[in-house]
């Protein structure tokens, strides 16, 4: 994709790499591939002005694969539009959920998408395969987590190695839920991406365990298989990195 927003390889789509449980790869439906190839012949701005609107799968493809260096108003606008569509579906499916949980569910899913988009995660392959079904599943799972959160122990494997998909909340939720609404979305997304790159896997999970799930350091250590003292060290290191990042940007 060129910096002007025009495709330089419209016939060659970026392959999906995430595997299903049976070991096979996710794939795009033929009509989605056709839509992407047609859209690649036009400036990206037309993705948002086209009538009828492009599919969620098509929009997500260009968000993931048009990643210019530095700031891009076009890319920011595409991300904002996708998140708006996601939020509309979350609102529609959480009408019967308690108000405080509904707000948290919306924030969690919003930031989950930001996390995966800016981390370049192949977990989003399933959304290019069947966006609406994948989103419905995530909404239902998130609702269930909030419904059962009080008084239920977190499984011992929830923070184990290789279990990122089991950790639905992310450091972005912990660090930015409180003030994201008062800051420009592009600024928040850029800062989230920087923070995610700074923290180690263990630092990230230690923060989630203590600040999101509300575990004390001893409980978090038991889940991660380390001592409470080690958890404290992870937290100190993580917070020092975040503080240093903020200082360098002032």
Protein backbone atom coordinates (compact mmCIF):
# COMPACT_ATOMS: atom_id res chain seq x y z
CA UNK A 1 0.00 0.00 0.00
CA UNK A 2 1.43 3.37 -0.95
CA UNK A 3 1.53 6.46 1.26
CA UNK A 4 -1.17 8.02 -0.92
CA UNK A 5 -3.56 5.28 0.10
CA UNK A 6 -3.56 3.44 -3.23
CA UNK A 7 -2.80 -0.29 -3.33
CA UNK A 8 0.49 -1.37 -4.90
CA UNK A 9 -0.45 -5.07 -4.83
CA UNK A 10 -4.18 -5.24 -5.22
CA UNK A 11 -4.23 -8.79 -6.54
CA UNK A 12 -2.15 -10.33 -3.76
CA UNK A 13 -3.99 -10.43 -0.46
CA UNK A 14 -2.07 -10.87 2.78
CA UNK A 15 -2.57 -14.44 3.94
CA UNK A 16 -4.25 -15.33 7.23
CA UNK A 17 -1.97 -17.28 9.58
CA UNK A 18 -4.04 -18.03 12.69
CA UNK A 19 -4.90 -21.72 13.07
CA UNK A 20 -8.19 -23.27 14.09
CA UNK A 21 -8.34 -25.98 16.74
CA UNK A 22 -8.06 -28.65 14.03
CA UNK A 23 -4.83 -27.10 12.76
CA UNK A 24 -6.26 -25.64 9.56
CA UNK A 25 -5.94 -21.94 8.78
CA UNK A 26 -8.73 -19.41 8.81
CA UNK A 27 -9.66 -18.06 5.39
CA UNK A 28 -11.66 -15.21 3.86
CA UNK A 29 -14.93 -15.93 2.12
CA UNK A 30 -14.72 -15.49 -1.69
CA UNK A 31 -17.09 -12.52 -1.64
CA UNK A 32 -14.88 -10.79 0.95
CA UNK A 33 -11.76 -11.35 -1.17
CA UNK A 34 -13.59 -9.94 -4.17
CA UNK A 35 -14.68 -6.89 -2.14
CA UNK A 36 -11.12 -6.28 -0.89
CA UNK A 37 -9.64 -6.48 -4.40
CA UNK A 38 -12.25 -4.06 -5.72
CA UNK A 39 -11.64 -1.64 -2.84
CA UNK A 40 -7.88 -1.81 -3.38
CA UNK A 41 -8.32 -0.15 -6.77
CA UNK A 42 -9.63 3.03 -5.17
CA UNK A 43 -8.26 5.56 -2.65
CA UNK A 44 -8.74 4.40 0.93
CA UNK A 45 -10.89 7.41 1.76
CA UNK A 46 -13.63 5.87 -0.37
CA UNK A 47 -13.85 2.91 2.01
CA UNK A 48 -15.64 5.19 4.45
CA UNK A 49 -17.80 7.08 1.97
CA UNK A 50 -18.92 4.14 -0.16
CA UNK A 51 -22.64 3.37 -0.34
CA UNK A 52 -23.48 0.78 0.81
CA UNK A 53 -20.65 0.72 3.38
CA UNK A 54 -17.87 -1.81 3.02
CA UNK A 55 -18.12 -4.93 5.15
CA UNK A 56 -16.46 -5.15 8.54
CA UNK A 57 -14.12 -7.84 7.18
CA UNK A 58 -13.00 -5.58 4.33
CA UNK A 59 -12.48 -2.58 6.58
CA UNK A 60 -10.48 -4.67 9.04
CA UNK A 61 -8.26 -5.98 6.23
CA UNK A 62 -7.15 -2.47 5.27
CA UNK A 63 -6.74 -1.41 8.89
CA UNK A 64 -4.39 -4.33 9.48
CA UNK A 65 -2.43 -4.11 6.24
CA UNK A 66 -2.28 -0.37 5.53
CA UNK A 67 0.09 0.58 8.33
CA UNK A 68 2.04 3.70 7.33
CA UNK A 69 4.97 4.94 9.34
CA UNK A 70 3.97 7.77 11.65
CA UNK A 71 0.57 9.39 11.98
CA UNK A 72 -2.09 8.74 9.36
CA UNK A 73 -5.47 10.51 9.52
CA UNK A 74 -6.89 7.98 7.05
CA UNK A 75 -5.83 5.01 9.17
CA UNK A 76 -7.06 6.67 12.36
CA UNK A 77 -10.43 7.32 10.73
CA UNK A 78 -10.73 3.71 9.58
CA UNK A 79 -9.98 2.44 13.10
CA UNK A 80 -12.49 4.88 14.60
CA UNK A 81 -15.17 3.69 12.17
CA UNK A 82 -14.54 0.02 12.95
CA UNK A 83 -14.67 0.67 16.69
CA UNK A 84 -17.92 2.60 16.22
CA UNK A 85 -19.46 -0.39 14.47
CA UNK A 86 -18.20 -2.73 17.19
CA UNK A 87 -19.60 -0.51 19.93
CA UNK A 88 -23.00 -0.38 18.25
CA UNK A 89 -23.19 -4.17 18.32
CA UNK A 90 -22.02 -4.31 21.93
CA UNK A 91 -24.71 -1.82 22.94
CA UNK A 92 -27.36 -3.84 21.10
CA UNK A 93 -26.38 -7.07 22.87
CA UNK A 94 -25.95 -5.70 26.40
CA UNK A 95 -29.30 -4.02 26.89
CA UNK A 96 -30.25 -6.38 29.71
CA UNK A 97 -26.90 -6.17 31.48
CA UNK A 98 -26.44 -4.10 34.65
CA UNK A 99 -25.47 -0.53 33.80
CA UNK A 100 -22.06 -0.59 35.49
CA UNK A 101 -21.15 -3.87 33.81
CA UNK A 102 -22.42 -2.62 30.45
CA UNK A 103 -20.02 0.34 30.58
CA UNK A 104 -17.11 -1.90 31.52
CA UNK A 105 -17.93 -4.45 28.83
CA UNK A 106 -17.97 -1.72 26.18
CA UNK A 107 -14.62 -0.41 27.39
CA UNK A 108 -13.05 -3.87 27.56
CA UNK A 109 -14.06 -4.85 24.04
CA UNK A 110 -13.08 -1.46 22.63
CA UNK A 111 -9.62 -1.67 24.13
CA UNK A 112 -9.25 -5.35 23.22
CA UNK A 113 -9.61 -4.39 19.56
CA UNK A 114 -7.16 -1.51 19.92
CA UNK A 115 -4.68 -3.83 21.60
CA UNK A 116 -4.89 -6.46 18.86
CA UNK A 117 -4.84 -3.94 16.01
CA UNK A 118 -1.77 -2.07 17.19
CA UNK A 119 0.05 -5.20 18.35
CA UNK A 120 -0.41 -6.76 14.92
CA UNK A 121 -1.97 -9.88 16.46
CA UNK A 122 -3.10 -12.70 14.18
CA UNK A 123 -5.98 -13.27 16.61
CA UNK A 124 -7.92 -10.90 14.38
CA UNK A 125 -7.81 -13.46 11.54
CA UNK A 126 -11.03 -14.99 12.88
CA UNK A 127 -12.71 -11.58 12.42
CA UNK A 128 -11.69 -11.49 8.75
CA UNK A 129 -13.16 -15.00 8.50
CA UNK A 130 -16.53 -14.19 10.12
CA UNK A 131 -16.57 -10.81 11.85
CA UNK A 132 -20.11 -10.73 13.22
CA UNK A 133 -20.00 -14.28 14.59
CA UNK A 134 -16.60 -13.74 16.22
CA UNK A 135 -17.75 -10.47 17.79
CA UNK A 136 -20.96 -12.06 19.08
CA UNK A 137 -18.89 -14.77 20.77
CA UNK A 138 -16.56 -12.22 22.37
CA UNK A 139 -19.49 -10.15 23.67
CA UNK A 140 -21.17 -13.21 25.18
CA UNK A 141 -17.93 -14.39 26.78
CA UNK A 142 -17.29 -10.94 28.25
CA UNK A 143 -20.82 -10.72 29.64
CA UNK A 144 -20.39 -14.14 31.27
CA UNK A 145 -17.10 -13.09 32.81
CA UNK A 146 -18.71 -10.09 34.48
CA UNK A 147 -21.76 -12.07 35.57
CA UNK A 148 -19.59 -14.69 37.27
CA UNK A 149 -16.75 -12.46 38.41
CA UNK A 150 -17.84 -11.95 42.03
CA UNK A 151 -16.98 -14.86 44.27
CA UNK A 152 -15.48 -17.04 41.55
CA UNK A 153 -11.83 -18.06 41.59
CA UNK A 154 -9.72 -17.43 38.53
CA UNK A 155 -8.43 -20.69 37.06
CA UNK A 156 -4.83 -21.51 37.89
CA UNK A 157 -3.92 -21.58 34.20
CA UNK A 158 -5.38 -18.14 33.49
CA UNK A 159 -1.98 -16.46 33.63
CA UNK A 160 0.19 -19.35 32.49
CA UNK A 161 2.63 -19.26 29.59
CA UNK A 162 0.98 -19.09 26.19
CA UNK A 163 -2.43 -18.17 27.58
CA UNK A 164 -2.76 -14.66 26.16
CA UNK A 165 -6.10 -15.52 24.57
CA UNK A 166 -7.46 -16.44 28.01
CA UNK A 167 -6.54 -13.03 29.36
CA UNK A 168 -9.36 -10.99 27.89
CA UNK A 169 -8.64 -7.77 29.74
CA UNK A 170 -5.34 -6.12 28.89
CA UNK A 171 -2.93 -3.62 30.32
CA UNK A 172 -4.63 -0.94 28.24
CA UNK A 173 -7.85 -1.45 30.22
CA UNK A 174 -5.95 -1.21 33.51
CA UNK A 175 -3.98 1.88 32.59
CA UNK A 176 -6.28 3.94 30.42
CA UNK A 177 -9.96 3.12 31.06
CA UNK A 178 -10.31 6.03 33.50
CA UNK A 179 -9.08 8.82 31.24
CA UNK A 180 -9.31 7.58 27.67
CA UNK A 181 -12.58 9.37 27.07
CA UNK A 182 -11.06 12.78 27.79
CA UNK A 183 -8.15 12.40 25.35
CA UNK A 184 -7.97 12.24 21.55
CA UNK A 185 -8.45 8.61 20.41
CA UNK A 186 -5.35 8.69 18.19
CA UNK A 187 -3.22 9.86 21.12
CA UNK A 188 -4.54 7.11 23.39
CA UNK A 189 -4.01 4.43 20.75
CA UNK A 190 -0.42 5.51 20.11
CA UNK A 191 0.36 5.51 23.83
CA UNK A 192 -1.23 2.09 24.29
CA UNK A 193 0.93 0.69 21.53
CA UNK A 194 4.08 2.12 23.12
CA UNK A 195 3.21 0.74 26.55
CA UNK A 196 2.45 -2.73 25.20
CA UNK A 197 5.87 -2.89 23.56
CA UNK A 198 7.63 -1.82 26.77
CA UNK A 199 6.27 -4.43 29.17
CA UNK A 200 7.36 -8.03 29.37
CA UNK A 201 4.75 -10.78 29.37
CA UNK A 202 5.15 -11.30 33.13
CA UNK A 203 4.94 -7.58 33.92
CA UNK A 204 1.76 -7.29 31.90
CA UNK A 205 0.14 -10.29 33.60
CA UNK A 206 1.19 -9.12 37.06
CA UNK A 207 -0.57 -5.80 36.46
CA UNK A 208 -3.69 -7.53 35.17
CA UNK A 209 -3.82 -9.89 38.15
CA UNK A 210 -3.43 -7.18 40.80
CA UNK A 211 -5.08 -4.11 39.29
CA UNK A 212 -7.82 -5.65 37.16
CA UNK A 213 -8.76 -8.82 39.04
CA UNK A 214 -7.97 -7.27 42.42
CA UNK A 215 -5.73 -10.08 43.65
CA UNK A 216 -3.12 -9.39 46.29
CA UNK A 217 0.52 -10.03 45.44
CA UNK A 218 0.57 -13.43 47.14
CA UNK A 219 -2.47 -14.63 45.18
CA UNK A 220 -1.06 -13.25 41.93
CA UNK A 221 2.23 -14.98 42.61
CA UNK A 222 0.47 -18.29 43.17
CA UNK A 223 -1.26 -18.00 39.79
CA UNK A 224 1.94 -17.02 37.99
CA UNK A 225 4.02 -19.59 39.82
CA UNK A 226 6.32 -17.07 41.52
CA UNK A 227 6.69 -15.47 44.94
CA UNK A 228 4.84 -12.37 46.11
CA UNK A 229 8.21 -10.62 46.18
CA UNK A 230 8.71 -11.38 42.49
CA UNK A 231 5.25 -10.02 41.69
CA UNK A 232 6.18 -6.84 43.52
CA UNK A 233 9.33 -6.58 41.40
CA UNK A 234 7.31 -7.08 38.20
CA UNK A 235 4.92 -4.31 39.25
CA UNK A 236 7.71 -1.90 40.18
CA UNK A 237 9.45 -2.53 36.88
CA UNK A 238 6.25 -2.10 34.86
CA UNK A 239 5.29 1.14 36.58
CA UNK A 240 8.80 2.51 36.19
CA UNK A 241 8.65 1.83 32.45
CA UNK A 242 5.27 3.52 32.09
CA UNK A 243 6.44 6.53 34.13
CA UNK A 244 9.60 6.84 32.03
CA UNK A 245 7.54 6.69 28.85
CA UNK A 246 5.31 9.52 30.06
CA UNK A 247 8.34 11.62 31.06
CA UNK A 248 9.96 11.24 27.66
CA UNK A 249 6.77 12.44 25.97
CA UNK A 250 6.40 15.59 28.08
